[in-house]
Amino acid sequence: MSTVTARVSDETATKLDALAKATNRSKSFLVASALERFLEEQSWQIAQTIDSLEQANNGEFATAFEVQSAFEKWGLKVEAD
């Protein structure tokens, strides 16, 4: 296991202290958990972006019908050109 040191604002440190006390968890546990969730989310977003760019580079775009269907699914009306 590795150790990482980070500087946070006094306000963030106060909130972290309060949360650690309220949850009976260590500050290290809370920071590690938050960092793991953040990294998972960012990794997913980066992977999706790379995949989308590859599709665009290959000319794989949604048709006008697919776009319209997606908007209608959410109750939005799309005006045709």
Protein backbone atom coordinates (compact mmCIF):
# COMPACT_ATOMS: atom_id res chain seq x y z
CA MET A 1 0.00 0.00 0.00
CA SER A 2 1.24 3.50 -0.83
CA THR A 3 0.99 6.76 1.06
CA VAL A 4 -0.08 9.97 -0.65
CA THR A 5 0.03 13.42 0.90
CA ALA A 6 -2.35 16.14 -0.27
CA ARG A 7 -2.99 19.71 0.79
CA VAL A 8 -6.62 20.67 1.31
CA SER A 9 -8.29 23.87 2.42
CA ASP A 10 -9.07 24.37 6.09
CA GLU A 11 -12.76 24.12 5.23
CA THR A 12 -12.27 20.73 3.53
CA ALA A 13 -10.17 19.48 6.44
CA THR A 14 -12.89 20.52 8.89
CA LYS A 15 -15.57 18.73 6.86
CA LEU A 16 -13.38 15.62 6.62
CA ASP A 17 -12.80 15.63 10.38
CA ALA A 18 -16.53 15.95 11.02
CA LEU A 19 -17.40 13.16 8.59
CA ALA A 20 -14.75 10.86 10.06
CA LYS A 21 -16.14 11.39 13.54
CA ALA A 22 -19.77 11.00 12.42
CA THR A 23 -19.10 7.77 10.54
CA ASN A 24 -16.51 6.38 12.96
CA ARG A 25 -14.10 5.99 10.03
CA SER A 26 -10.57 7.25 9.67
CA LYS A 27 -9.82 10.24 7.49
CA SER A 28 -7.50 8.00 5.48
CA PHE A 29 -10.32 5.55 4.81
CA LEU A 30 -12.66 8.31 3.66
CA VAL A 31 -10.07 9.93 1.40
CA ALA A 32 -9.04 6.59 -0.12
CA SER A 33 -12.70 5.66 -0.76
CA ALA A 34 -13.44 9.02 -2.36
CA LEU A 35 -10.32 8.83 -4.51
CA GLU A 36 -11.16 5.32 -5.69
CA ARG A 37 -14.68 6.39 -6.72
CA PHE A 38 -13.30 9.48 -8.48
CA LEU A 39 -10.73 7.45 -10.42
CA GLU A 40 -13.33 4.87 -11.46
CA GLU A 41 -15.63 7.62 -12.74
CA GLN A 42 -12.88 9.44 -14.58
CA SER A 43 -11.56 6.23 -16.13
CA TRP A 44 -15.04 5.37 -17.39
CA GLN A 45 -15.49 8.84 -18.89
CA ILE A 46 -12.09 8.74 -20.59
CA ALA A 47 -12.79 5.29 -22.03
CA GLN A 48 -16.17 6.48 -23.35
CA THR A 49 -14.58 9.58 -24.88
CA ILE A 50 -11.88 7.53 -26.61
CA ASP A 51 -14.50 5.11 -27.93
CA SER A 52 -16.66 7.98 -29.19
CA LEU A 53 -13.69 9.62 -30.93
CA GLU A 54 -12.81 6.34 -32.61
CA GLN A 55 -16.40 5.99 -33.84
CA ALA A 56 -16.39 9.56 -35.14
CA ASN A 57 -13.04 9.04 -36.87
CA ASN A 58 -14.55 5.97 -38.55
CA GLY A 59 -17.53 8.01 -39.73
CA GLU A 60 -19.93 6.18 -37.42
CA PHE A 61 -22.50 8.86 -36.63
CA ALA A 62 -26.11 8.57 -35.55
CA THR A 63 -28.66 9.01 -38.30
CA ALA A 64 -31.17 11.85 -38.14
CA PHE A 65 -33.84 9.27 -37.28
CA GLU A 66 -31.76 7.88 -34.39
CA VAL A 67 -31.19 11.37 -33.00
CA GLN A 68 -34.88 12.22 -33.29
CA SER A 69 -35.86 8.94 -31.62
CA ALA A 70 -33.48 9.61 -28.73
CA PHE A 71 -34.92 13.08 -28.15
CA GLU A 72 -38.50 11.80 -28.38
CA LYS A 73 -37.69 9.12 -25.82
CA TRP A 74 -37.16 11.96 -23.34
CA GLY A 75 -40.27 13.83 -24.45
CA LEU A 76 -38.43 16.43 -26.51
CA LYS A 77 -39.53 17.47 -29.94
CA VAL A 78 -36.93 17.96 -32.65
CA GLU A 79 -37.68 20.25 -35.56
CA ALA A 80 -36.59 18.81 -38.90
CA ASP A 81 -34.63 21.05 -41.28
